[in-house]
Amino acid sequence: METVLATTPVFRDLADADHTLGLGRNMQQAINDGYVEQDRGQQWFANLAEGSFYASFALVTVICSR
């Protein structure tokens, strides 16, 4: 293992987060697959646009070589 990098992207704009993370696309897939009821999923996504928005996650990158 050569390097381990930890990055924490922060999104404060819903459009940017949706483009990068696929929030709407993934919710639609969950609805299509029967994991989430359609009304509930659509309401969840619509509610993201109300008020302030914040999304973040930890991204760990490991660089290895032989």
PDB file of N, CA and C in Angstrom:
ATOM      1  N   MET A   1       0.848  -1.159   0.000  1.00  0.00           N
ATOM      2  CA  MET A   1       0.000   0.000   0.000  1.00  0.00           C
ATOM      3  C   MET A   1       0.901   1.232   0.000  1.00  0.00           C
ATOM      4  N   GLU A   2       0.682   2.113  -0.950  1.00  0.00           N
ATOM      5  CA  GLU A   2       1.503   3.309  -1.068  1.00  0.00           C
ATOM      6  C   GLU A   2       0.910   4.505  -0.334  1.00  0.00           C
ATOM      7  N   THR A   3      -0.394   4.700  -0.512  1.00  0.00           N
ATOM      8  CA  THR A   3      -1.029   5.892   0.043  1.00  0.00           C
ATOM      9  C   THR A   3      -2.472   5.604   0.408  1.00  0.00           C
ATOM     10  N   VAL A   4      -2.935   6.233   1.465  1.00  0.00           N
ATOM     11  CA  VAL A   4      -4.352   6.230   1.834  1.00  0.00           C
ATOM     12  C   VAL A   4      -4.767   7.682   1.994  1.00  0.00           C
ATOM     13  N   LEU A   5      -5.782   8.074   1.249  1.00  0.00           N
ATOM     14  CA  LEU A   5      -6.275   9.451   1.299  1.00  0.00           C
ATOM     15  C   LEU A   5      -7.721   9.447   1.773  1.00  0.00           C
ATOM     16  N   ALA A   6      -8.042  10.326   2.687  1.00  0.00           N
ATOM     17  CA  ALA A   6      -9.424  10.490   3.136  1.00  0.00           C
ATOM     18  C   ALA A   6      -9.888  11.879   2.727  1.00  0.00           C
ATOM     19  N   THR A   7     -11.025  11.926   2.061  1.00  0.00           N
ATOM     20  CA  THR A   7     -11.601  13.181   1.584  1.00  0.00           C
ATOM     21  C   THR A   7     -13.062  13.228   2.012  1.00  0.00           C
ATOM     22  N   THR A   8     -13.520  14.406   2.382  1.00  0.00           N
ATOM     23  CA  THR A   8     -14.923  14.564   2.767  1.00  0.00           C
ATOM     24  C   THR A   8     -15.554  15.655   1.910  1.00  0.00           C
ATOM     25  N   PRO A   9     -16.167  15.273   0.784  1.00  0.00           N
ATOM     26  CA  PRO A   9     -16.848  16.268  -0.041  1.00  0.00           C
ATOM     27  C   PRO A   9     -18.081  16.808   0.690  1.00  0.00           C
ATOM     28  N   VAL A  10     -18.364  18.069   0.496  1.00  0.00           N
ATOM     29  CA  VAL A  10     -19.540  18.701   1.089  1.00  0.00           C
ATOM     30  C   VAL A  10     -20.352  19.342  -0.026  1.00  0.00           C
ATOM     31  N   PHE A  11     -21.633  19.052  -0.038  1.00  0.00           N
ATOM     32  CA  PHE A  11     -22.553  19.632  -1.024  1.00  0.00           C
ATOM     33  C   PHE A  11     -23.563  20.502  -0.291  1.00  0.00           C
ATOM     34  N   ARG A  12     -23.679  21.742  -0.722  1.00  0.00           N
ATOM     35  CA  ARG A  12     -24.686  22.643  -0.167  1.00  0.00           C
ATOM     36  C   ARG A  12     -25.721  23.033  -1.222  1.00  0.00           C
ATOM     37  N   ASP A  13     -25.546  22.489  -2.413  1.00  0.00           N
ATOM     38  CA  ASP A  13     -26.463  22.763  -3.519  1.00  0.00           C
ATOM     39  C   ASP A  13     -27.075  21.437  -3.965  1.00  0.00           C
ATOM     40  N   LEU A  14     -28.398  21.355  -3.948  1.00  0.00           N
ATOM     41  CA  LEU A  14     -29.084  20.113  -4.293  1.00  0.00           C
ATOM     42  C   LEU A  14     -28.789  19.671  -5.721  1.00  0.00           C
ATOM     43  N   ALA A  15     -28.764  20.603  -6.659  1.00  0.00           N
ATOM     44  CA  ALA A  15     -28.518  20.232  -8.060  1.00  0.00           C
ATOM     45  C   ALA A  15     -27.132  19.610  -8.227  1.00  0.00           C
ATOM     46  N   ASP A  16     -26.140  20.188  -7.566  1.00  0.00           N
ATOM     47  CA  ASP A  16     -24.785  19.624  -7.637  1.00  0.00           C
ATOM     48  C   ASP A  16     -24.737  18.241  -6.999  1.00  0.00           C
ATOM     49  N   ALA A  17     -25.354  18.115  -5.841  1.00  0.00           N
ATOM     50  CA  ALA A  17     -25.369  16.819  -5.147  1.00  0.00           C
ATOM     51  C   ALA A  17     -26.110  15.775  -5.968  1.00  0.00           C
ATOM     52  N   ASP A  18     -27.228  16.155  -6.556  1.00  0.00           N
ATOM     53  CA  ASP A  18     -27.997  15.203  -7.360  1.00  0.00           C
ATOM     54  C   ASP A  18     -27.201  14.768  -8.583  1.00  0.00           C
ATOM     55  N   HIS A  19     -26.516  15.715  -9.208  1.00  0.00           N
ATOM     56  CA  HIS A  19     -25.707  15.386 -10.388  1.00  0.00           C
ATOM     57  C   HIS A  19     -24.582  14.410 -10.023  1.00  0.00           C
ATOM     58  N   THR A  20     -23.913  14.662  -8.912  1.00  0.00           N
ATOM     59  CA  THR A  20     -22.762  13.849  -8.514  1.00  0.00           C
ATOM     60  C   THR A  20     -23.172  12.532  -7.863  1.00  0.00           C
ATOM     61  N   LEU A  21     -24.149  12.581  -6.985  1.00  0.00           N
ATOM     62  CA  LEU A  21     -24.530  11.412  -6.199  1.00  0.00           C
ATOM     63  C   LEU A  21     -25.716  10.635  -6.766  1.00  0.00           C
ATOM     64  N   GLY A  22     -26.442  11.241  -7.694  1.00  0.00           N
ATOM     65  CA  GLY A  22     -27.582  10.556  -8.297  1.00  0.00           C
ATOM     66  C   GLY A  22     -28.722  10.328  -7.326  1.00  0.00           C
ATOM     67  N   LEU A  23     -29.013  11.312  -6.482  1.00  0.00           N
ATOM     68  CA  LEU A  23     -30.056  11.140  -5.465  1.00  0.00           C
ATOM     69  C   LEU A  23     -31.405  10.805  -6.085  1.00  0.00           C
ATOM     70  N   GLY A  24     -31.828  11.579  -7.072  1.00  0.00           N
ATOM     71  CA  GLY A  24     -33.111  11.327  -7.724  1.00  0.00           C
ATOM     72  C   GLY A  24     -33.113  10.029  -8.512  1.00  0.00           C
ATOM     73  N   ARG A  25     -32.036   9.777  -9.239  1.00  0.00           N
ATOM     74  CA  ARG A  25     -31.917   8.540 -10.036  1.00  0.00           C
ATOM     75  C   ARG A  25     -31.945   7.312  -9.134  1.00  0.00           C
ATOM     76  N   ASN A  26     -31.209   7.353  -8.029  1.00  0.00           N
ATOM     77  CA  ASN A  26     -31.184   6.210  -7.125  1.00  0.00           C
ATOM     78  C   ASN A  26     -32.511   6.018  -6.407  1.00  0.00           C
ATOM     79  N   MET A  27     -33.181   7.120  -6.061  1.00  0.00           N
ATOM     80  CA  MET A  27     -34.499   6.995  -5.438  1.00  0.00           C
ATOM     81  C   MET A  27     -35.483   6.392  -6.428  1.00  0.00           C
ATOM     82  N   GLN A  28     -35.428   6.829  -7.689  1.00  0.00           N
ATOM     83  CA  GLN A  28     -36.329   6.264  -8.693  1.00  0.00           C
ATOM     84  C   GLN A  28     -36.072   4.772  -8.872  1.00  0.00           C
ATOM     85  N   GLN A  29     -34.822   4.362  -8.836  1.00  0.00           N
ATOM     86  CA  GLN A  29     -34.501   2.937  -8.952  1.00  0.00           C
ATOM     87  C   GLN A  29     -35.036   2.165  -7.740  1.00  0.00           C
ATOM     88  N   ALA A  30     -34.931   2.750  -6.564  1.00  0.00           N
ATOM     89  CA  ALA A  30     -35.472   2.102  -5.358  1.00  0.00           C
ATOM     90  C   ALA A  30     -36.990   1.972  -5.446  1.00  0.00           C
ATOM     91  N   ILE A  31     -37.640   2.979  -6.013  1.00  0.00           N
ATOM     92  CA  ILE A  31     -39.101   2.910  -6.228  1.00  0.00           C
ATOM     93  C   ILE A  31     -39.406   1.815  -7.236  1.00  0.00           C
ATOM     94  N   ASN A  32     -38.700   1.807  -8.363  1.00  0.00           N
ATOM     95  CA  ASN A  32     -38.930   0.806  -9.411  1.00  0.00           C
ATOM     96  C   ASN A  32     -38.719  -0.617  -8.904  1.00  0.00           C
ATOM     97  N   ASP A  33     -37.745  -0.789  -8.017  1.00  0.00           N
ATOM     98  CA  ASP A  33     -37.432  -2.121  -7.483  1.00  0.00           C
ATOM     99  C   ASP A  33     -38.323  -2.515  -6.316  1.00  0.00           C
ATOM    100  N   GLY A  34     -39.208  -1.615  -5.904  1.00  0.00           N
ATOM    101  CA  GLY A  34     -40.160  -1.929  -4.845  1.00  0.00           C
ATOM    102  C   GLY A  34     -39.647  -1.741  -3.425  1.00  0.00           C
ATOM    103  N   TYR A  35     -38.503  -1.095  -3.259  1.00  0.00           N
ATOM    104  CA  TYR A  35     -37.961  -0.864  -1.921  1.00  0.00           C
ATOM    105  C   TYR A  35     -38.607   0.326  -1.220  1.00  0.00           C
ATOM    106  N   VAL A  36     -39.095   1.289  -2.018  1.00  0.00           N
ATOM    107  CA  VAL A  36     -39.711   2.500  -1.476  1.00  0.00           C
ATOM    108  C   VAL A  36     -41.016   2.725  -2.226  1.00  0.00           C
ATOM    109  N   GLU A  37     -42.072   3.096  -1.496  1.00  0.00           N
ATOM    110  CA  GLU A  37     -43.343   3.411  -2.147  1.00  0.00           C
ATOM    111  C   GLU A  37     -43.180   4.700  -2.962  1.00  0.00           C
ATOM    112  N   GLN A  38     -43.844   4.757  -4.120  1.00  0.00           N
ATOM    113  CA  GLN A  38     -43.663   5.871  -5.043  1.00  0.00           C
ATOM    114  C   GLN A  38     -43.956   7.217  -4.395  1.00  0.00           C
ATOM    115  N   ASP A  39     -45.101   7.357  -3.732  1.00  0.00           N
ATOM    116  CA  ASP A  39     -45.449   8.643  -3.115  1.00  0.00           C
ATOM    117  C   ASP A  39     -44.411   9.066  -2.083  1.00  0.00           C
ATOM    118  N   ARG A  40     -43.972   8.104  -1.279  1.00  0.00           N
ATOM    119  CA  ARG A  40     -42.998   8.417  -0.232  1.00  0.00           C
ATOM    120  C   ARG A  40     -41.653   8.842  -0.826  1.00  0.00           C
ATOM    121  N   GLY A  41     -41.190   8.137  -1.849  1.00  0.00           N
ATOM    122  CA  GLY A  41     -39.921   8.471  -2.482  1.00  0.00           C
ATOM    123  C   GLY A  41     -39.949   9.817  -3.173  1.00  0.00           C
ATOM    124  N   GLN A  42     -41.031  10.084  -3.891  1.00  0.00           N
ATOM    125  CA  GLN A  42     -41.141  11.366  -4.583  1.00  0.00           C
ATOM    126  C   GLN A  42     -41.241  12.519  -3.593  1.00  0.00           C
ATOM    127  N   GLN A  43     -41.951  12.299  -2.489  1.00  0.00           N
ATOM    128  CA  GLN A  43     -42.069  13.336  -1.460  1.00  0.00           C
ATOM    129  C   GLN A  43     -40.720  13.599  -0.800  1.00  0.00           C
ATOM    130  N   TRP A  44     -39.963  12.529  -0.533  1.00  0.00           N
ATOM    131  CA  TRP A  44     -38.634  12.684   0.068  1.00  0.00           C
ATOM    132  C   TRP A  44     -37.749  13.550  -0.820  1.00  0.00           C
ATOM    133  N   PHE A  45     -37.730  13.223  -2.126  1.00  0.00           N
ATOM    134  CA  PHE A  45     -36.876  13.979  -3.042  1.00  0.00           C
ATOM    135  C   PHE A  45     -37.340  15.422  -3.163  1.00  0.00           C
ATOM    136  N   ALA A  46     -38.637  15.643  -3.228  1.00  0.00           N
ATOM    137  CA  ALA A  46     -39.166  17.013  -3.318  1.00  0.00           C
ATOM    138  C   ALA A  46     -38.815  17.816  -2.067  1.00  0.00           C
ATOM    139  N   ASN A  47     -38.834  17.175  -0.908  1.00  0.00           N
ATOM    140  CA  ASN A  47     -38.531  17.868   0.344  1.00  0.00           C
ATOM    141  C   ASN A  47     -37.073  18.304   0.431  1.00  0.00           C
ATOM    142  N   LEU A  48     -36.193  17.664  -0.320  1.00  0.00           N
ATOM    143  CA  LEU A  48     -34.782  18.066  -0.304  1.00  0.00           C
ATOM    144  C   LEU A  48     -34.603  19.501  -0.796  1.00  0.00           C
ATOM    145  N   ALA A  49     -35.497  19.952  -1.656  1.00  0.00           N
ATOM    146  CA  ALA A  49     -35.396  21.291  -2.239  1.00  0.00           C
ATOM    147  C   ALA A  49     -35.938  22.374  -1.309  1.00  0.00           C
ATOM    148  N   GLU A  50     -36.569  21.984  -0.216  1.00  0.00           N
ATOM    149  CA  GLU A  50     -37.136  22.959   0.722  1.00  0.00           C
ATOM    150  C   GLU A  50     -36.104  23.311   1.784  1.00  0.00           C
ATOM    151  N   GLY A  51     -35.863  24.589   1.975  1.00  0.00           N
ATOM    152  CA  GLY A  51     -34.917  25.024   2.993  1.00  0.00           C
ATOM    153  C   GLY A  51     -33.479  24.801   2.562  1.00  0.00           C
ATOM    154  N   SER A  52     -32.595  24.802   3.543  1.00  0.00           N
ATOM    155  CA  SER A  52     -31.176  24.628   3.237  1.00  0.00           C
ATOM    156  C   SER A  52     -30.873  23.155   2.968  1.00  0.00           C
ATOM    157  N   PHE A  53     -29.803  22.926   2.231  1.00  0.00           N
ATOM    158  CA  PHE A  53     -29.411  21.562   1.860  1.00  0.00           C
ATOM    159  C   PHE A  53     -27.971  21.328   2.255  1.00  0.00           C
ATOM    160  N   TYR A  54     -27.693  20.138   2.771  1.00  0.00           N
ATOM    161  CA  TYR A  54     -26.338  19.761   3.147  1.00  0.00           C
ATOM    162  C   TYR A  54     -26.195  18.256   2.975  1.00  0.00           C
ATOM    163  N   ALA A  55     -25.176  17.833   2.255  1.00  0.00           N
ATOM    164  CA  ALA A  55     -24.880  16.406   2.107  1.00  0.00           C
ATOM    165  C   ALA A  55     -23.368  16.232   2.158  1.00  0.00           C
ATOM    166  N   SER A  56     -22.926  15.167   2.797  1.00  0.00           N
ATOM    167  CA  SER A  56     -21.504  14.895   2.904  1.00  0.00           C
ATOM    168  C   SER A  56     -21.301  13.397   3.092  1.00  0.00           C
ATOM    169  N   PHE A  57     -20.111  12.931   2.776  1.00  0.00           N
ATOM    170  CA  PHE A  57     -19.763  11.532   2.987  1.00  0.00           C
ATOM    171  C   PHE A  57     -18.251  11.412   3.048  1.00  0.00           C
ATOM    172  N   ALA A  58     -17.788  10.319   3.590  1.00  0.00           N
ATOM    173  CA  ALA A  58     -16.344  10.065   3.650  1.00  0.00           C
ATOM    174  C   ALA A  58     -15.929   9.223   2.456  1.00  0.00           C
ATOM    175  N   LEU A  59     -14.922   9.664   1.768  1.00  0.00           N
ATOM    176  CA  LEU A  59     -14.382   8.951   0.615  1.00  0.00           C
ATOM    177  C   LEU A  59     -12.941   8.565   0.932  1.00  0.00           C
ATOM    178  N   VAL A  60     -12.672   7.272   0.934  1.00  0.00           N
ATOM    179  CA  VAL A  60     -11.328   6.779   1.230  1.00  0.00           C
ATOM    180  C   VAL A  60     -10.736   6.184  -0.044  1.00  0.00           C
ATOM    181  N   THR A  61      -9.582   6.675  -0.441  1.00  0.00           N
ATOM    182  CA  THR A  61      -8.891   6.200  -1.623  1.00  0.00           C
ATOM    183  C   THR A  61      -7.603   5.498  -1.171  1.00  0.00           C
ATOM    184  N   VAL A  62      -7.427   4.275  -1.619  1.00  0.00           N
ATOM    185  CA  VAL A  62      -6.230   3.505  -1.281  1.00  0.00           C
ATOM    186  C   VAL A  62      -5.466   3.254  -2.574  1.00  0.00           C
ATOM    187  N   ILE A  63      -4.203   3.632  -2.590  1.00  0.00           N
ATOM    188  CA  ILE A  63      -3.351   3.434  -3.762  1.00  0.00           C
ATOM    189  C   ILE A  63      -2.336   2.341  -3.431  1.00  0.00           C
ATOM    190  N   CYS A  64      -2.356   1.311  -4.248  1.00  0.00           N
ATOM    191  CA  CYS A  64      -1.463   0.158  -4.015  1.00  0.00           C
ATOM    192  C   CYS A  64      -0.681  -0.162  -5.300  1.00  0.00           C
ATOM    193  N   SER A  65       0.383  -0.889  -5.123  1.00  0.00           N
ATOM    194  CA  SER A  65       1.129  -1.379  -6.277  1.00  0.00           C
ATOM    195  C   SER A  65       1.734  -2.735  -5.905  1.00  0.00           C
ATOM    196  N   ARG A  66       2.130  -3.462  -6.910  1.00  0.00           N
ATOM    197  CA  ARG A  66       2.745  -4.774  -6.667  1.00  0.00           C
ATOM    198  C   ARG A  66       4.230  -4.638  -6.579  1.00  0.00           C
TER     199      ARG A  66
END
